[in-house]
Amino acid sequence: MVLTIHVTEAAEDVIRTAFGDNFSRTALEAIAIEGYRSGKLSRFQVQKLLGFDNRWDTEEWLGSHG
């Protein structure tokens, strides 16, 4: 699936300054974090969404993101 977000040039500059050039990964991680915190995504779903090979990598990532 491809998700496209249209933003103004000014917004693009703000996004790049805040999150760097790999905004696609940043957005995906934000969705995973919010989904897990809200209970809409399980740990296993976060693992699959972010492409982790195992539960332990997922646990470590979740722990490092509060």
Protein backbone atom coordinates (compact mmCIF):
# COMPACT_ATOMS: atom_id res chain seq x y z
CA MET A 1 0.00 0.00 0.00
CA VAL A 2 1.16 3.49 -0.75
CA LEU A 3 -0.02 6.34 1.44
CA THR A 4 0.42 9.85 0.12
CA ILE A 5 0.29 12.95 2.29
CA HIS A 6 0.16 16.31 0.59
CA VAL A 7 1.81 19.13 2.52
CA THR A 8 2.85 22.64 1.69
CA GLU A 9 6.49 23.45 1.06
CA ALA A 10 6.63 25.25 4.39
CA ALA A 11 5.27 22.17 6.16
CA GLU A 12 7.76 19.99 4.32
CA ASP A 13 10.62 22.12 5.63
CA VAL A 14 9.29 21.80 9.19
CA ILE A 15 8.89 18.03 8.83
CA ARG A 16 12.39 17.57 7.41
CA THR A 17 13.91 19.70 10.16
CA ALA A 18 12.07 17.80 12.89
CA PHE A 19 12.28 14.25 11.54
CA GLY A 20 14.97 14.13 8.86
CA ASP A 21 14.71 12.74 5.35
CA ASN A 22 13.32 9.30 6.19
CA PHE A 23 9.85 10.58 7.03
CA SER A 24 8.19 7.44 5.69
CA ARG A 25 9.80 5.31 8.40
CA THR A 26 9.15 7.97 11.03
CA ALA A 27 5.46 8.07 10.12
CA LEU A 28 5.21 4.27 10.15
CA GLU A 29 6.83 4.12 13.58
CA ALA A 30 4.46 6.81 14.88
CA ILE A 31 1.50 4.75 13.68
CA ALA A 32 2.94 1.67 15.37
CA ILE A 33 3.53 3.50 18.66
CA GLU A 34 0.08 5.04 18.77
CA GLY A 35 -1.57 1.81 17.68
CA TYR A 36 0.18 -0.14 20.43
CA ARG A 37 -0.48 2.49 23.13
CA SER A 38 -4.17 2.68 22.24
CA GLY A 39 -4.54 -1.10 22.15
CA LYS A 40 -5.46 -1.13 18.46
CA LEU A 41 -2.29 -3.04 17.54
CA SER A 42 -0.83 -6.04 19.32
CA ARG A 43 2.88 -6.55 19.87
CA PHE A 44 2.86 -9.10 17.05
CA GLN A 45 1.16 -6.63 14.69
CA VAL A 46 3.78 -4.00 15.54
CA GLN A 47 6.48 -6.59 14.80
CA LYS A 48 5.02 -7.31 11.38
CA LEU A 49 4.33 -3.64 10.62
CA LEU A 50 7.92 -2.62 11.33
CA GLY A 51 9.53 -5.73 9.85
CA PHE A 52 11.23 -7.05 12.97
CA ASP A 53 12.44 -10.64 12.81
CA ASN A 54 11.47 -11.63 16.32
CA ARG A 55 9.60 -10.74 19.48
CA TRP A 56 12.73 -9.64 21.30
CA ASP A 57 13.61 -6.96 18.75
CA THR A 58 10.03 -5.73 18.98
CA GLU A 59 10.16 -5.64 22.79
CA GLU A 60 13.43 -3.74 22.70
CA TRP A 61 12.07 -1.23 20.19
CA LEU A 62 8.85 -0.71 22.16
CA GLY A 63 10.82 -0.28 25.38
CA SER A 64 13.07 2.34 23.81
CA HIS A 65 10.00 4.27 22.64
CA GLY A 66 8.25 4.36 26.00
